[in-house]
Amino acid sequence: MAMAETTKVEIMLPQANMQEAEELKEFLENVTASGQQEFLNFVRGANFTRRLLEGAVKQAV
């Protein structure tokens, strides 16, 4: 019988954003495993888009 694979997500934020970090931690603790995966996919997509746009801006300048 295969064991389910688990993933641990760690988020590092500057201490100046401690309130946001606590809110995000609380949010993630109350979300299902599939919801956490969907959120992680969203964040990855947002980061990809940001890098893509930054590259496009740098090429245009």
PDB file of N, CA and C in Angstrom:
ATOM      1  N   MET A   1       0.844  -1.179   0.000  1.00  0.00           N
ATOM      2  CA  MET A   1       0.000   0.000   0.000  1.00  0.00           C
ATOM      3  C   MET A   1       0.886   1.237   0.000  1.00  0.00           C
ATOM      4  N   ALA A   2       0.683   2.135  -0.938  1.00  0.00           N
ATOM      5  CA  ALA A   2       1.492   3.348  -1.057  1.00  0.00           C
ATOM      6  C   ALA A   2       1.041   4.373  -0.033  1.00  0.00           C
ATOM      7  N   MET A   3       2.021   5.056   0.543  1.00  0.00           N
ATOM      8  CA  MET A   3       1.704   6.098   1.511  1.00  0.00           C
ATOM      9  C   MET A   3       1.479   7.414   0.782  1.00  0.00           C
ATOM     10  N   ALA A   4       0.571   8.214   1.305  1.00  0.00           N
ATOM     11  CA  ALA A   4       0.288   9.521   0.698  1.00  0.00           C
ATOM     12  C   ALA A   4       1.488  10.432   0.900  1.00  0.00           C
ATOM     13  N   GLU A   5       1.829  11.171  -0.123  1.00  0.00           N
ATOM     14  CA  GLU A   5       2.939  12.107  -0.048  1.00  0.00           C
ATOM     15  C   GLU A   5       2.460  13.394   0.622  1.00  0.00           C
ATOM     16  N   THR A   6       3.246  13.887   1.568  1.00  0.00           N
ATOM     17  CA  THR A   6       2.883  15.134   2.226  1.00  0.00           C
ATOM     18  C   THR A   6       3.910  16.194   1.877  1.00  0.00           C
ATOM     19  N   THR A   7       3.443  17.412   1.813  1.00  0.00           N
ATOM     20  CA  THR A   7       4.302  18.538   1.487  1.00  0.00           C
ATOM     21  C   THR A   7       4.182  19.570   2.586  1.00  0.00           C
ATOM     22  N   LYS A   8       5.304  20.062   3.039  1.00  0.00           N
ATOM     23  CA  LYS A   8       5.308  21.115   4.053  1.00  0.00           C
ATOM     24  C   LYS A   8       5.668  22.419   3.365  1.00  0.00           C
ATOM     25  N   VAL A   9       4.835  23.433   3.553  1.00  0.00           N
ATOM     26  CA  VAL A   9       5.057  24.733   2.948  1.00  0.00           C
ATOM     27  C   VAL A   9       5.560  25.677   4.021  1.00  0.00           C
ATOM     28  N   GLU A  10       6.689  26.303   3.772  1.00  0.00           N
ATOM     29  CA  GLU A  10       7.222  27.298   4.684  1.00  0.00           C
ATOM     30  C   GLU A  10       7.258  28.635   3.961  1.00  0.00           C
ATOM     31  N   ILE A  11       6.777  29.664   4.630  1.00  0.00           N
ATOM     32  CA  ILE A  11       6.742  30.992   4.050  1.00  0.00           C
ATOM     33  C   ILE A  11       7.585  31.909   4.914  1.00  0.00           C
ATOM     34  N   MET A  12       8.535  32.579   4.288  1.00  0.00           N
ATOM     35  CA  MET A  12       9.403  33.494   5.012  1.00  0.00           C
ATOM     36  C   MET A  12       9.061  34.923   4.611  1.00  0.00           C
ATOM     37  N   LEU A  13       8.728  35.753   5.610  1.00  0.00           N
ATOM     38  CA  LEU A  13       8.404  37.156   5.381  1.00  0.00           C
ATOM     39  C   LEU A  13       9.263  38.009   6.302  1.00  0.00           C
ATOM     40  N   PRO A  14       9.565  39.229   5.890  1.00  0.00           N
ATOM     41  CA  PRO A  14      10.301  40.131   6.785  1.00  0.00           C
ATOM     42  C   PRO A  14       9.514  40.353   8.071  1.00  0.00           C
ATOM     43  N   GLN A  15      10.219  40.594   9.173  1.00  0.00           N
ATOM     44  CA  GLN A  15       9.538  40.784  10.448  1.00  0.00           C
ATOM     45  C   GLN A  15       8.599  41.981  10.426  1.00  0.00           C
ATOM     46  N   ALA A  16       8.818  42.919   9.543  1.00  0.00           N
ATOM     47  CA  ALA A  16       7.931  44.077   9.426  1.00  0.00           C
ATOM     48  C   ALA A  16       6.517  43.633   9.053  1.00  0.00           C
ATOM     49  N   ASN A  17       6.387  42.462   8.443  1.00  0.00           N
ATOM     50  CA  ASN A  17       5.091  41.942   8.018  1.00  0.00           C
ATOM     51  C   ASN A  17       4.587  40.847   8.961  1.00  0.00           C
ATOM     52  N   MET A  18       4.930  40.939  10.243  1.00  0.00           N
ATOM     53  CA  MET A  18       4.576  39.886  11.197  1.00  0.00           C
ATOM     54  C   MET A  18       3.060  39.693  11.288  1.00  0.00           C
ATOM     55  N   GLN A  19       2.293  40.766  11.262  1.00  0.00           N
ATOM     56  CA  GLN A  19       0.822  40.655  11.325  1.00  0.00           C
ATOM     57  C   GLN A  19       0.307  39.891  10.106  1.00  0.00           C
ATOM     58  N   GLU A  20       0.828  40.215   8.930  1.00  0.00           N
ATOM     59  CA  GLU A  20       0.416  39.502   7.718  1.00  0.00           C
ATOM     60  C   GLU A  20       0.814  38.039   7.792  1.00  0.00           C
ATOM     61  N   ALA A  21       1.984  37.765   8.330  1.00  0.00           N
ATOM     62  CA  ALA A  21       2.447  36.382   8.460  1.00  0.00           C
ATOM     63  C   ALA A  21       1.522  35.592   9.375  1.00  0.00           C
ATOM     64  N   GLU A  22       1.102  36.194  10.487  1.00  0.00           N
ATOM     65  CA  GLU A  22       0.188  35.519  11.409  1.00  0.00           C
ATOM     66  C   GLU A  22      -1.162  35.255  10.743  1.00  0.00           C
ATOM     67  N   GLU A  23      -1.653  36.225   9.981  1.00  0.00           N
ATOM     68  CA  GLU A  23      -2.920  36.050   9.280  1.00  0.00           C
ATOM     69  C   GLU A  23      -2.820  34.942   8.234  1.00  0.00           C
ATOM     70  N   LEU A  24      -1.716  34.908   7.514  1.00  0.00           N
ATOM     71  CA  LEU A  24      -1.515  33.870   6.504  1.00  0.00           C
ATOM     72  C   LEU A  24      -1.408  32.499   7.160  1.00  0.00           C
ATOM     73  N   LYS A  25      -0.692  32.423   8.261  1.00  0.00           N
ATOM     74  CA  LYS A  25      -0.555  31.154   8.995  1.00  0.00           C
ATOM     75  C   LYS A  25      -1.923  30.659   9.444  1.00  0.00           C
ATOM     76  N   GLU A  26      -2.735  31.553  10.008  1.00  0.00           N
ATOM     77  CA  GLU A  26      -4.075  31.179  10.455  1.00  0.00           C
ATOM     78  C   GLU A  26      -4.931  30.713   9.275  1.00  0.00           C
ATOM     79  N   PHE A  27      -4.835  31.423   8.165  1.00  0.00           N
ATOM     80  CA  PHE A  27      -5.577  31.044   6.961  1.00  0.00           C
ATOM     81  C   PHE A  27      -5.198  29.640   6.507  1.00  0.00           C
ATOM     82  N   LEU A  28      -3.900  29.371   6.419  1.00  0.00           N
ATOM     83  CA  LEU A  28      -3.442  28.074   5.926  1.00  0.00           C
ATOM     84  C   LEU A  28      -3.789  26.938   6.883  1.00  0.00           C
ATOM     85  N   GLU A  29      -3.841  27.229   8.183  1.00  0.00           N
ATOM     86  CA  GLU A  29      -4.209  26.193   9.148  1.00  0.00           C
ATOM     87  C   GLU A  29      -5.671  25.797   9.012  1.00  0.00           C
ATOM     88  N   ASN A  30      -6.510  26.695   8.490  1.00  0.00           N
ATOM     89  CA  ASN A  30      -7.938  26.437   8.384  1.00  0.00           C
ATOM     90  C   ASN A  30      -8.371  25.992   6.992  1.00  0.00           C
ATOM     91  N   VAL A  31      -7.416  25.762   6.103  1.00  0.00           N
ATOM     92  CA  VAL A  31      -7.725  25.362   4.734  1.00  0.00           C
ATOM     93  C   VAL A  31      -7.411  23.877   4.580  1.00  0.00           C
ATOM     94  N   THR A  32      -8.220  23.190   3.795  1.00  0.00           N
ATOM     95  CA  THR A  32      -7.993  21.770   3.544  1.00  0.00           C
ATOM     96  C   THR A  32      -6.684  21.576   2.770  1.00  0.00           C
ATOM     97  N   ALA A  33      -6.207  20.347   2.720  1.00  0.00           N
ATOM     98  CA  ALA A  33      -4.962  20.046   1.997  1.00  0.00           C
ATOM     99  C   ALA A  33      -5.094  20.413   0.524  1.00  0.00           C
ATOM    100  N   SER A  34      -6.227  20.125  -0.084  1.00  0.00           N
ATOM    101  CA  SER A  34      -6.396  20.476  -1.498  1.00  0.00           C
ATOM    102  C   SER A  34      -6.488  21.992  -1.659  1.00  0.00           C
ATOM    103  N   GLY A  35      -7.080  22.673  -0.694  1.00  0.00           N
ATOM    104  CA  GLY A  35      -7.134  24.133  -0.726  1.00  0.00           C
ATOM    105  C   GLY A  35      -5.754  24.741  -0.600  1.00  0.00           C
ATOM    106  N   GLN A  36      -4.912  24.140   0.249  1.00  0.00           N
ATOM    107  CA  GLN A  36      -3.535  24.613   0.380  1.00  0.00           C
ATOM    108  C   GLN A  36      -2.784  24.434  -0.932  1.00  0.00           C
ATOM    109  N   GLN A  37      -3.008  23.306  -1.608  1.00  0.00           N
ATOM    110  CA  GLN A  37      -2.341  23.057  -2.889  1.00  0.00           C
ATOM    111  C   GLN A  37      -2.809  24.066  -3.931  1.00  0.00           C
ATOM    112  N   GLU A  38      -4.100  24.369  -3.948  1.00  0.00           N
ATOM    113  CA  GLU A  38      -4.616  25.368  -4.888  1.00  0.00           C
ATOM    114  C   GLU A  38      -4.021  26.743  -4.603  1.00  0.00           C
ATOM    115  N   PHE A  39      -3.895  27.097  -3.326  1.00  0.00           N
ATOM    116  CA  PHE A  39      -3.300  28.385  -2.954  1.00  0.00           C
ATOM    117  C   PHE A  39      -1.840  28.432  -3.384  1.00  0.00           C
ATOM    118  N   LEU A  40      -1.108  27.343  -3.162  1.00  0.00           N
ATOM    119  CA  LEU A  40       0.295  27.277  -3.569  1.00  0.00           C
ATOM    120  C   LEU A  40       0.418  27.426  -5.083  1.00  0.00           C
ATOM    121  N   ASN A  41      -0.461  26.779  -5.833  1.00  0.00           N
ATOM    122  CA  ASN A  41      -0.450  26.917  -7.291  1.00  0.00           C
ATOM    123  C   ASN A  41      -0.722  28.354  -7.707  1.00  0.00           C
ATOM    124  N   PHE A  42      -1.649  29.016  -7.007  1.00  0.00           N
ATOM    125  CA  PHE A  42      -1.944  30.423  -7.295  1.00  0.00           C
ATOM    126  C   PHE A  42      -0.716  31.298  -7.064  1.00  0.00           C
ATOM    127  N   VAL A  43      -0.043  31.090  -5.930  1.00  0.00           N
ATOM    128  CA  VAL A  43       1.151  31.883  -5.610  1.00  0.00           C
ATOM    129  C   VAL A  43       2.246  31.636  -6.632  1.00  0.00           C
ATOM    130  N   ARG A  44       2.435  30.392  -7.015  1.00  0.00           N
ATOM    131  CA  ARG A  44       3.439  30.080  -8.040  1.00  0.00           C
ATOM    132  C   ARG A  44       3.102  30.771  -9.362  1.00  0.00           C
ATOM    133  N   GLY A  45       1.832  30.767  -9.730  1.00  0.00           N
ATOM    134  CA  GLY A  45       1.409  31.434 -10.953  1.00  0.00           C
ATOM    135  C   GLY A  45       1.627  32.938 -10.889  1.00  0.00           C
ATOM    136  N   ALA A  46       1.335  33.519  -9.718  1.00  0.00           N
ATOM    137  CA  ALA A  46       1.547  34.962  -9.539  1.00  0.00           C
ATOM    138  C   ALA A  46       3.028  35.297  -9.644  1.00  0.00           C
ATOM    139  N   ASN A  47       3.879  34.479  -9.032  1.00  0.00           N
ATOM    140  CA  ASN A  47       5.326  34.710  -9.120  1.00  0.00           C
ATOM    141  C   ASN A  47       5.821  34.561 -10.554  1.00  0.00           C
ATOM    142  N   PHE A  48       5.312  33.555 -11.260  1.00  0.00           N
ATOM    143  CA  PHE A  48       5.704  33.358 -12.651  1.00  0.00           C
ATOM    144  C   PHE A  48       5.305  34.574 -13.490  1.00  0.00           C
ATOM    145  N   THR A  49       4.076  35.052 -13.294  1.00  0.00           N
ATOM    146  CA  THR A  49       3.594  36.211 -14.042  1.00  0.00           C
ATOM    147  C   THR A  49       4.440  37.445 -13.744  1.00  0.00           C
ATOM    148  N   ARG A  50       4.775  37.648 -12.466  1.00  0.00           N
ATOM    149  CA  ARG A  50       5.602  38.797 -12.080  1.00  0.00           C
ATOM    150  C   ARG A  50       6.961  38.730 -12.773  1.00  0.00           C
ATOM    151  N   ARG A  51       7.590  37.546 -12.742  1.00  0.00           N
ATOM    152  CA  ARG A  51       8.903  37.403 -13.393  1.00  0.00           C
ATOM    153  C   ARG A  51       8.792  37.598 -14.899  1.00  0.00           C
ATOM    154  N   LEU A  52       7.725  37.092 -15.480  1.00  0.00           N
ATOM    155  CA  LEU A  52       7.504  37.238 -16.915  1.00  0.00           C
ATOM    156  C   LEU A  52       7.347  38.707 -17.282  1.00  0.00           C
ATOM    157  N   LEU A  53       6.548  39.433 -16.522  1.00  0.00           N
ATOM    158  CA  LEU A  53       6.330  40.848 -16.799  1.00  0.00           C
ATOM    159  C   LEU A  53       7.587  41.673 -16.544  1.00  0.00           C
ATOM    160  N   GLU A  54       8.341  41.338 -15.498  1.00  0.00           N
ATOM    161  CA  GLU A  54       9.590  42.044 -15.235  1.00  0.00           C
ATOM    162  C   GLU A  54      10.562  41.839 -16.393  1.00  0.00           C
ATOM    163  N   GLY A  55      10.609  40.641 -16.929  1.00  0.00           N
ATOM    164  CA  GLY A  55      11.461  40.370 -18.069  1.00  0.00           C
ATOM    165  C   GLY A  55      11.013  41.139 -19.297  1.00  0.00           C
ATOM    166  N   ALA A  56       9.703  41.230 -19.500  1.00  0.00           N
ATOM    167  CA  ALA A  56       9.162  41.955 -20.654  1.00  0.00           C
ATOM    168  C   ALA A  56       9.457  43.442 -20.513  1.00  0.00           C
ATOM    169  N   VAL A  57       9.358  43.960 -19.313  1.00  0.00           N
ATOM    170  CA  VAL A  57       9.634  45.379 -19.088  1.00  0.00           C
ATOM    171  C   VAL A  57      11.118  45.660 -19.323  1.00  0.00           C
ATOM    172  N   LYS A  58      11.986  44.793 -18.823  1.00  0.00           N
ATOM    173  CA  LYS A  58      13.423  44.991 -18.993  1.00  0.00           C
ATOM    174  C   LYS A  58      13.790  44.952 -20.485  1.00  0.00           C
ATOM    175  N   GLN A  59      13.147  44.084 -21.246  1.00  0.00           N
ATOM    176  CA  GLN A  59      13.457  43.976 -22.679  1.00  0.00           C
ATOM    177  C   GLN A  59      12.955  45.208 -23.434  1.00  0.00           C
ATOM    178  N   ALA A  60      11.856  45.804 -22.970  1.00  0.00           N
ATOM    179  CA  ALA A  60      11.284  46.959 -23.650  1.00  0.00           C
ATOM    180  C   ALA A  60      12.067  48.230 -23.387  1.00  0.00           C
ATOM    181  N   VAL A  61      12.805  48.256 -22.281  1.00  0.00           N
ATOM    182  CA  VAL A  61      13.542  49.475 -21.907  1.00  0.00           C
ATOM    183  C   VAL A  61      14.845  49.556 -22.631  1.00  0.00           C
TER     184      VAL A  61
END
